[in-house]
């Protein structure tokens, strides 16, 4: 029996008179990868941030691990935040900290881990994402775009989370680096049995990682299900999204994979 990890119930988001989300409800099960897609301004990243408690909806409720992010005490919220990791778009590493210190930061904030163990954990996380220990002393400005993503992923995994939030994980990467980074995420997801919530517009990433896809459009979720189910929708956004050359290639690859 599947266990629901995140519940979004009757969520509304308004900025003044502008409505972004209108009565959105969504459930995300443990160990699945749910991808949020939609056009610019559809509220994908806003919804992701609300699931992380970084933004508060105008109405409705978000529960993570059964805990309401809108109706609970700050200490309880802090406690459950230690159970998830976040990979922000472009990595969002602290520019004044070394690679080592960026990854060590969440561990140091706990206040319960000594520096000897922190060193072991930082080097372990670097190894997990395929970065040699020799790079630990480098500053983010000295890293390639692909390495920034990997270090940011190592930091997201520092507290050994059960849940991982990804905001456009392959944005800014060339096709080869994007493919290898997606494979890294998938390998770690399987190894660590992670639940993943991801915002992406990249079709190759969408197909490679998603268990289910939720499409945000017209202030609501217009389709949700496996990619094969979602593409059957006649909604104009879904049709346009998948009918370009890249979309057709991606769907062809999906079709061939399903045949195998």
Foldseek 3Di string as FASTA:
>chain_A
DWDWFKWWAQFWADDVPDTQAGGAIDTFTALFEEEEEEDPSNCQVVVLCVLLLNDPTPDTWMDGNNHTSVDDDPVVSVVCNLQFFEQEVLLPFDQVDFLLCSLLVVVVVVVPDDPVVSVVLSCVLCVLLPHHPVRRRHGPVVDDSLVSLSSSVSSRCSSPHQEYEYEASCPPPDPVSSVVNLVSVVVCCVVSSHYYYYYHLDLVSCLSGHQKYFYGDPNYTPDMGHPVVRCVDPPPRSCVSQPDPNNVVSVVVVVVVVVD
